[in-house]
Amino acid sequence: MTIELQAKNRTLPSTALNTARAQGQLPAELYGAGQKNQHIYVAAGDFGQYQRKVTGATLVDLIIDGQAPLKALIGEIQKDPLTGLVVHIDFHQVQMDKEIQAKVPLVFTGVSKVVKEMGGTLIKSINELEITCLPAELISHIEVDLTPLENFDDVIYVRDLKLPKQIKTNIEPNRVVAGVKAKVKLEIFETKAVPVEGEQAVPVEGEQAVPVEGEQAKEGEQTKKK
């Protein structure tokens, strides 16, 4: 996936960042590719159209002041902790003939038999995968098919993921991606109170109290005296 963003240079120190944000401009920084860092603004409205779709594996054509597009990846996106609005973006310029590393989200598809029919709980160990490839070969996501999970012992590993031939990952092949855990049932057992030594047991309604050893004999002696 490649998106296009219009941008313009900004000078430092930027004393009117809040004013620029109010006018729909997002401050951003462009790093990498052996070039000097560039301080830029991008249109907040343009970025907002793609915000839900962009990831660390999204390739961007940055058009700065109408010049030829620069290829870049989206890095850190800073948000206001109170409003959740984007306040700053980092871009990392790439060279199309050199491999890059990027994190691609995992998209879980299909239905697990052990979850649907046996009441198991799906456990996702990782939600993204770090990949290495040329910029033009980037993919937006990796699908993880859950249908092989038919029993509680079944597990999906990194080695089970279907990656395009041109894409590699340095993640350990035996690392678990997803599995299923059985739900734990809590059983409550009915218990009867045991009287403490020296105390008399209190009978439950409908039951007869059992006298403590020695009490029955004393009761008989008192009857004779009368």
C-alpha atoms as a PDB file:
ATOM      1  CA  MET A   1       0.000   0.000   0.000  1.00  0.00           C
ATOM      2  CA  THR A   2       1.342   3.428  -0.976  1.00  0.00           C
ATOM      3  CA  ILE A   3      -0.249   6.707  -0.007  1.00  0.00           C
ATOM      4  CA  GLU A   4       0.496  10.232  -1.227  1.00  0.00           C
ATOM      5  CA  LEU A   5       0.918  13.159   1.144  1.00  0.00           C
ATOM      6  CA  GLN A   6       1.482  16.787   0.293  1.00  0.00           C
ATOM      7  CA  ALA A   7       4.038  18.522   2.531  1.00  0.00           C
ATOM      8  CA  LYS A   8       5.932  21.775   2.857  1.00  0.00           C
ATOM      9  CA  ASN A   9       9.148  22.812   4.570  1.00  0.00           C
ATOM     10  CA  ARG A  10       9.079  24.484   7.968  1.00  0.00           C
ATOM     11  CA  THR A  11      11.810  26.448   9.682  1.00  0.00           C
ATOM     12  CA  LEU A  12      13.177  26.001  13.195  1.00  0.00           C
ATOM     13  CA  PRO A  13      12.626  27.102  15.823  1.00  0.00           C
ATOM     14  CA  SER A  14       8.923  26.716  15.131  1.00  0.00           C
ATOM     15  CA  THR A  15       7.347  29.215  17.504  1.00  0.00           C
ATOM     16  CA  ALA A  16       3.840  28.884  16.113  1.00  0.00           C
ATOM     17  CA  LEU A  17       3.229  25.132  16.178  1.00  0.00           C
ATOM     18  CA  ASN A  18      -0.149  25.455  17.883  1.00  0.00           C
ATOM     19  CA  THR A  19      -1.231  28.043  15.318  1.00  0.00           C
ATOM     20  CA  ALA A  20      -0.117  25.765  12.476  1.00  0.00           C
ATOM     21  CA  ARG A  21      -2.015  22.817  13.986  1.00  0.00           C
ATOM     22  CA  ALA A  22      -5.112  24.995  14.303  1.00  0.00           C
ATOM     23  CA  GLN A  23      -4.760  25.746  10.586  1.00  0.00           C
ATOM     24  CA  GLY A  24      -4.708  22.040   9.727  1.00  0.00           C
ATOM     25  CA  GLN A  25      -0.938  21.546   9.508  1.00  0.00           C
ATOM     26  CA  LEU A  26       0.851  18.695  11.301  1.00  0.00           C
ATOM     27  CA  PRO A  27       4.525  19.161  12.161  1.00  0.00           C
ATOM     28  CA  ALA A  28       6.653  16.229  11.012  1.00  0.00           C
ATOM     29  CA  GLU A  29      10.257  15.138  10.632  1.00  0.00           C
ATOM     30  CA  LEU A  30      11.828  13.265   7.718  1.00  0.00           C
ATOM     31  CA  TYR A  31      14.868  11.103   8.576  1.00  0.00           C
ATOM     32  CA  GLY A  32      17.151   8.635   6.832  1.00  0.00           C
ATOM     33  CA  ALA A  33      18.697   7.634   3.519  1.00  0.00           C
ATOM     34  CA  GLY A  34      21.908   9.462   4.356  1.00  0.00           C
ATOM     35  CA  GLN A  35      20.192  12.825   3.980  1.00  0.00           C
ATOM     36  CA  LYS A  36      19.971  15.737   6.392  1.00  0.00           C
ATOM     37  CA  ASN A  37      16.793  15.732   8.480  1.00  0.00           C
ATOM     38  CA  GLN A  38      13.971  17.784   7.001  1.00  0.00           C
ATOM     39  CA  HIS A  39      11.448  19.675   9.104  1.00  0.00           C
ATOM     40  CA  ILE A  40       8.105  19.668   7.348  1.00  0.00           C
ATOM     41  CA  TYR A  41       4.366  20.141   7.695  1.00  0.00           C
ATOM     42  CA  VAL A  42       1.806  17.727   6.248  1.00  0.00           C
ATOM     43  CA  ALA A  43      -1.882  18.436   5.781  1.00  0.00           C
ATOM     44  CA  ALA A  44      -3.814  16.992   8.725  1.00  0.00           C
ATOM     45  CA  GLY A  45      -6.857  16.383   6.533  1.00  0.00           C
ATOM     46  CA  ASP A  46      -4.862  14.301   4.041  1.00  0.00           C
ATOM     47  CA  PHE A  47      -3.231  12.229   6.784  1.00  0.00           C
ATOM     48  CA  GLY A  48      -6.580  11.766   8.525  1.00  0.00           C
ATOM     49  CA  GLN A  49      -7.971   9.974   5.457  1.00  0.00           C
ATOM     50  CA  TYR A  50      -5.376   7.224   5.844  1.00  0.00           C
ATOM     51  CA  GLN A  51      -4.829   7.248   9.605  1.00  0.00           C
ATOM     52  CA  ARG A  52      -6.781   4.055  10.326  1.00  0.00           C
ATOM     53  CA  LYS A  53      -5.048   2.183   7.527  1.00  0.00           C
ATOM     54  CA  VAL A  54      -1.428   3.211   7.957  1.00  0.00           C
ATOM     55  CA  THR A  55       1.080   1.005   9.758  1.00  0.00           C
ATOM     56  CA  GLY A  56       4.845   0.803  10.051  1.00  0.00           C
ATOM     57  CA  ALA A  57       4.760  -0.992   6.686  1.00  0.00           C
ATOM     58  CA  THR A  58       2.951   1.767   4.805  1.00  0.00           C
ATOM     59  CA  LEU A  59       4.991   3.316   1.998  1.00  0.00           C
ATOM     60  CA  VAL A  60       4.441   7.059   1.549  1.00  0.00           C
ATOM     61  CA  ASP A  61       5.101   9.343  -1.415  1.00  0.00           C
ATOM     62  CA  LEU A  62       6.019  12.611   0.286  1.00  0.00           C
ATOM     63  CA  ILE A  63       5.663  15.551  -2.081  1.00  0.00           C
ATOM     64  CA  ILE A  64       7.459  18.465  -0.421  1.00  0.00           C
ATOM     65  CA  ASP A  65       6.796  21.899  -1.916  1.00  0.00           C
ATOM     66  CA  GLY A  66       5.747  20.352  -5.219  1.00  0.00           C
ATOM     67  CA  GLN A  67       9.039  18.530  -5.800  1.00  0.00           C
ATOM     68  CA  ALA A  68       9.515  14.906  -6.904  1.00  0.00           C
ATOM     69  CA  PRO A  69       8.042  12.408  -4.428  1.00  0.00           C
ATOM     70  CA  LEU A  70      10.312  11.003  -1.723  1.00  0.00           C
ATOM     71  CA  LYS A  71       9.664   7.427  -0.644  1.00  0.00           C
ATOM     72  CA  ALA A  72       9.302   7.055   3.115  1.00  0.00           C
ATOM     73  CA  LEU A  73       7.867   4.853   5.848  1.00  0.00           C
ATOM     74  CA  ILE A  74       5.750   6.143   8.701  1.00  0.00           C
ATOM     75  CA  GLY A  75       7.572   5.952  12.018  1.00  0.00           C
ATOM     76  CA  GLU A  76       6.358   7.230  15.366  1.00  0.00           C
ATOM     77  CA  ILE A  77       2.985   8.959  15.507  1.00  0.00           C
ATOM     78  CA  GLN A  78       2.618  11.183  18.561  1.00  0.00           C
ATOM     79  CA  LYS A  79      -0.858  11.900  19.915  1.00  0.00           C
ATOM     80  CA  ASP A  80      -2.224  14.312  22.476  1.00  0.00           C
ATOM     81  CA  PRO A  81      -2.901  12.215  25.626  1.00  0.00           C
ATOM     82  CA  LEU A  82      -6.147  14.069  26.344  1.00  0.00           C
ATOM     83  CA  THR A  83      -7.714  14.498  22.902  1.00  0.00           C
ATOM     84  CA  GLY A  84      -6.119  11.561  21.053  1.00  0.00           C
ATOM     85  CA  LEU A  85      -5.392  13.850  18.111  1.00  0.00           C
ATOM     86  CA  VAL A  86      -2.151  13.437  16.151  1.00  0.00           C
ATOM     87  CA  VAL A  87       0.351  16.188  17.002  1.00  0.00           C
ATOM     88  CA  HIS A  88       3.560  15.002  15.301  1.00  0.00           C
ATOM     89  CA  ILE A  89       4.709  12.382  12.771  1.00  0.00           C
ATOM     90  CA  ASP A  90       8.109  10.859  12.007  1.00  0.00           C
ATOM     91  CA  PHE A  91       8.913   9.686   8.478  1.00  0.00           C
ATOM     92  CA  HIS A  92      11.901   7.536   7.500  1.00  0.00           C
ATOM     93  CA  GLN A  93      13.119   7.980   3.926  1.00  0.00           C
ATOM     94  CA  VAL A  94      14.022   4.746   2.107  1.00  0.00           C
ATOM     95  CA  GLN A  95      15.969   3.768  -0.992  1.00  0.00           C
ATOM     96  CA  MET A  96      14.015   1.494  -3.291  1.00  0.00           C
ATOM     97  CA  ASP A  97      17.014  -0.720  -4.080  1.00  0.00           C
ATOM     98  CA  LYS A  98      17.886  -1.435  -0.430  1.00  0.00           C
ATOM     99  CA  GLU A  99      16.119  -3.827   1.902  1.00  0.00           C
ATOM    100  CA  ILE A 100      14.284  -2.401   4.879  1.00  0.00           C
ATOM    101  CA  GLN A 101      12.772  -3.771   8.070  1.00  0.00           C
ATOM    102  CA  ALA A 102       9.164  -3.122   8.950  1.00  0.00           C
ATOM    103  CA  LYS A 103       6.536  -4.442  11.347  1.00  0.00           C
ATOM    104  CA  VAL A 104       3.447  -5.855   9.666  1.00  0.00           C
ATOM    105  CA  PRO A 105       0.195  -6.498  11.569  1.00  0.00           C
ATOM    106  CA  LEU A 106      -1.232 -10.021  11.718  1.00  0.00           C
ATOM    107  CA  VAL A 107      -4.865 -10.428  10.670  1.00  0.00           C
ATOM    108  CA  PHE A 108      -6.521 -13.529  12.147  1.00  0.00           C
ATOM    109  CA  THR A 109      -9.063 -15.213   9.866  1.00  0.00           C
ATOM    110  CA  GLY A 110     -11.168 -18.362   9.886  1.00  0.00           C
ATOM    111  CA  VAL A 111     -12.861 -20.117  12.792  1.00  0.00           C
ATOM    112  CA  SER A 112     -11.175 -22.512  15.199  1.00  0.00           C
ATOM    113  CA  LYS A 113     -13.176 -25.696  15.850  1.00  0.00           C
ATOM    114  CA  VAL A 114     -11.877 -26.000  19.391  1.00  0.00           C
ATOM    115  CA  VAL A 115     -13.001 -22.438  20.159  1.00  0.00           C
ATOM    116  CA  LYS A 116     -16.414 -22.713  18.507  1.00  0.00           C
ATOM    117  CA  GLU A 117     -17.404 -26.228  19.564  1.00  0.00           C
ATOM    118  CA  MET A 118     -15.351 -26.966  22.700  1.00  0.00           C
ATOM    119  CA  GLY A 119     -15.471 -23.611  24.458  1.00  0.00           C
ATOM    120  CA  GLY A 120     -11.740 -22.919  24.214  1.00  0.00           C
ATOM    121  CA  THR A 121     -10.228 -19.451  24.545  1.00  0.00           C
ATOM    122  CA  LEU A 122      -8.059 -18.183  21.677  1.00  0.00           C
ATOM    123  CA  ILE A 123      -4.645 -16.947  22.834  1.00  0.00           C
ATOM    124  CA  LYS A 124      -2.732 -14.609  20.488  1.00  0.00           C
ATOM    125  CA  SER A 125       0.943 -14.521  21.426  1.00  0.00           C
ATOM    126  CA  ILE A 126       1.956 -11.903  18.840  1.00  0.00           C
ATOM    127  CA  ASN A 127      -0.024  -9.358  16.833  1.00  0.00           C
ATOM    128  CA  GLU A 128       2.634  -8.245  14.356  1.00  0.00           C
ATOM    129  CA  LEU A 129       5.656  -9.651  12.576  1.00  0.00           C
ATOM    130  CA  GLU A 130       8.912  -7.908  11.741  1.00  0.00           C
ATOM    131  CA  ILE A 131       9.845  -8.521   8.114  1.00  0.00           C
ATOM    132  CA  THR A 132      12.736  -7.701   5.775  1.00  0.00           C
ATOM    133  CA  CYS A 133      12.248  -6.907   2.087  1.00  0.00           C
ATOM    134  CA  LEU A 134      12.646  -4.260  -0.594  1.00  0.00           C
ATOM    135  CA  PRO A 135      10.327  -1.249  -0.171  1.00  0.00           C
ATOM    136  CA  ALA A 136       8.351  -2.122  -3.309  1.00  0.00           C
ATOM    137  CA  GLU A 137       7.607  -5.601  -1.900  1.00  0.00           C
ATOM    138  CA  LEU A 138       6.021  -4.411   1.332  1.00  0.00           C
ATOM    139  CA  ILE A 139       2.670  -5.904   2.276  1.00  0.00           C
ATOM    140  CA  SER A 140       0.022  -4.271   4.448  1.00  0.00           C
ATOM    141  CA  HIS A 141      -0.709  -7.339   6.608  1.00  0.00           C
ATOM    142  CA  ILE A 142      -0.195 -11.081   7.044  1.00  0.00           C
ATOM    143  CA  GLU A 143      -3.179 -13.408   7.348  1.00  0.00           C
ATOM    144  CA  VAL A 144      -3.220 -16.114  10.012  1.00  0.00           C
ATOM    145  CA  ASP A 145      -5.720 -18.914   9.318  1.00  0.00           C
ATOM    146  CA  LEU A 146      -7.176 -20.248  12.586  1.00  0.00           C
ATOM    147  CA  THR A 147      -8.962 -23.297  11.140  1.00  0.00           C
ATOM    148  CA  PRO A 148      -6.017 -25.685  11.862  1.00  0.00           C
ATOM    149  CA  LEU A 149      -6.725 -25.232  15.584  1.00  0.00           C
ATOM    150  CA  GLU A 150      -8.977 -28.272  16.034  1.00  0.00           C
ATOM    151  CA  ASN A 151      -7.718 -29.538  19.422  1.00  0.00           C
ATOM    152  CA  PHE A 152      -6.335 -27.969  22.578  1.00  0.00           C
ATOM    153  CA  ASP A 153      -2.854 -29.252  21.699  1.00  0.00           C
ATOM    154  CA  ASP A 154      -2.800 -27.530  18.285  1.00  0.00           C
ATOM    155  CA  VAL A 155      -0.548 -24.489  17.925  1.00  0.00           C
ATOM    156  CA  ILE A 156       0.268 -22.090  15.069  1.00  0.00           C
ATOM    157  CA  TYR A 157       3.959 -21.192  14.840  1.00  0.00           C
ATOM    158  CA  VAL A 158       5.795 -18.491  12.880  1.00  0.00           C
ATOM    159  CA  ARG A 159       6.993 -21.224  10.523  1.00  0.00           C
ATOM    160  CA  ASP A 160       3.349 -21.954   9.640  1.00  0.00           C
ATOM    161  CA  LEU A 161       2.699 -18.452   8.297  1.00  0.00           C
ATOM    162  CA  LYS A 162       2.441 -18.141   4.539  1.00  0.00           C
ATOM    163  CA  LEU A 163       4.811 -15.347   3.540  1.00  0.00           C
ATOM    164  CA  PRO A 164       5.546 -14.252  -0.026  1.00  0.00           C
ATOM    165  CA  LYS A 165       8.870 -15.645  -1.261  1.00  0.00           C
ATOM    166  CA  GLN A 166      10.495 -12.217  -1.393  1.00  0.00           C
ATOM    167  CA  ILE A 167       9.760 -11.509   2.268  1.00  0.00           C
ATOM    168  CA  LYS A 168      11.893 -12.775   5.152  1.00  0.00           C
ATOM    169  CA  THR A 169      11.589 -12.598   8.920  1.00  0.00           C
ATOM    170  CA  ASN A 170      14.190 -12.888  11.648  1.00  0.00           C
ATOM    171  CA  ILE A 171      11.664 -14.082  14.198  1.00  0.00           C
ATOM    172  CA  GLU A 172      12.361 -17.568  15.590  1.00  0.00           C
ATOM    173  CA  PRO A 173      10.426 -20.127  13.445  1.00  0.00           C
ATOM    174  CA  ASN A 174       9.272 -22.016  16.547  1.00  0.00           C
ATOM    175  CA  ARG A 175       7.794 -18.965  18.217  1.00  0.00           C
ATOM    176  CA  VAL A 176       4.094 -19.413  18.972  1.00  0.00           C
ATOM    177  CA  VAL A 177       1.664 -17.159  17.122  1.00  0.00           C
ATOM    178  CA  ALA A 178      -1.636 -18.519  18.446  1.00  0.00           C
ATOM    179  CA  GLY A 179      -3.074 -21.402  20.430  1.00  0.00           C
ATOM    180  CA  VAL A 180      -6.161 -22.334  22.443  1.00  0.00           C
ATOM    181  CA  LYS A 181      -6.563 -22.615  26.197  1.00  0.00           C
ATOM    182  CA  ALA A 182      -9.271 -24.588  27.966  1.00  0.00           C
ATOM    183  CA  LYS A 183     -11.590 -22.620  30.215  1.00  0.00           C
ATOM    184  CA  VAL A 184     -11.071 -23.346  33.907  1.00  0.00           C
ATOM    185  CA  LYS A 185     -14.176 -24.466  35.812  1.00  0.00           C
ATOM    186  CA  LEU A 186     -14.365 -23.573  39.489  1.00  0.00           C
ATOM    187  CA  GLU A 187     -16.226 -26.205  41.542  1.00  0.00           C
ATOM    188  CA  ILE A 188     -17.737 -25.167  44.891  1.00  0.00           C
ATOM    189  CA  PHE A 189     -18.012 -27.976  47.435  1.00  0.00           C
ATOM    190  CA  GLU A 190     -20.585 -27.862  50.272  1.00  0.00           C
ATOM    191  CA  THR A 191     -18.871 -28.045  53.650  1.00  0.00           C
ATOM    192  CA  LYS A 192     -20.293 -28.607  57.136  1.00  0.00           C
ATOM    193  CA  ALA A 193     -19.036 -26.669  60.113  1.00  0.00           C
ATOM    194  CA  VAL A 194     -16.938 -28.699  62.560  1.00  0.00           C
ATOM    195  CA  PRO A 195     -17.408 -27.598  66.187  1.00  0.00           C
ATOM    196  CA  VAL A 196     -14.350 -26.356  68.027  1.00  0.00           C
ATOM    197  CA  GLU A 197     -13.333 -28.387  71.096  1.00  0.00           C
ATOM    198  CA  GLY A 198     -15.438 -27.290  74.053  1.00  0.00           C
ATOM    199  CA  GLU A 199     -18.239 -25.832  71.908  1.00  0.00           C
ATOM    200  CA  GLN A 200     -21.598 -27.420  71.208  1.00  0.00           C
ATOM    201  CA  ALA A 201     -22.533 -28.102  67.607  1.00  0.00           C
ATOM    202  CA  VAL A 202     -25.520 -26.126  66.349  1.00  0.00           C
ATOM    203  CA  PRO A 203     -27.947 -28.454  64.507  1.00  0.00           C
ATOM    204  CA  VAL A 204     -29.088 -27.573  61.022  1.00  0.00           C
ATOM    205  CA  GLU A 205     -32.850 -27.173  60.696  1.00  0.00           C
ATOM    206  CA  GLY A 206     -34.440 -30.612  60.446  1.00  0.00           C
ATOM    207  CA  GLU A 207     -31.399 -32.391  61.914  1.00  0.00           C
ATOM    208  CA  GLN A 208     -30.858 -33.679  65.446  1.00  0.00           C
ATOM    209  CA  ALA A 209     -27.786 -32.598  67.339  1.00  0.00           C
ATOM    210  CA  VAL A 210     -25.369 -35.380  68.213  1.00  0.00           C
ATOM    211  CA  PRO A 211     -24.287 -35.098  71.854  1.00  0.00           C
ATOM    212  CA  VAL A 212     -20.598 -34.839  72.593  1.00  0.00           C
ATOM    213  CA  GLU A 213     -19.064 -37.959  74.153  1.00  0.00           C
ATOM    214  CA  GLY A 214     -19.697 -37.931  77.952  1.00  0.00           C
ATOM    215  CA  GLU A 215     -22.664 -35.595  77.834  1.00  0.00           C
ATOM    216  CA  GLN A 216     -25.232 -38.421  77.471  1.00  0.00           C
ATOM    217  CA  ALA A 217     -23.912 -40.171  80.614  1.00  0.00           C
ATOM    218  CA  LYS A 218     -24.112 -36.952  82.693  1.00  0.00           C
ATOM    219  CA  GLU A 219     -27.663 -36.387  81.532  1.00  0.00           C
ATOM    220  CA  GLY A 220     -28.636 -39.888  82.795  1.00  0.00           C
ATOM    221  CA  GLU A 221     -27.112 -39.271  86.229  1.00  0.00           C
ATOM    222  CA  GLN A 222     -29.062 -36.030  86.667  1.00  0.00           C
ATOM    223  CA  THR A 223     -32.307 -37.895  85.849  1.00  0.00           C
ATOM    224  CA  LYS A 224     -31.671 -40.497  88.582  1.00  0.00           C
ATOM    225  CA  LYS A 225     -31.009 -37.823  91.241  1.00  0.00           C
ATOM    226  CA  LYS A 226     -34.375 -36.289  90.535  1.00  0.00           C
END
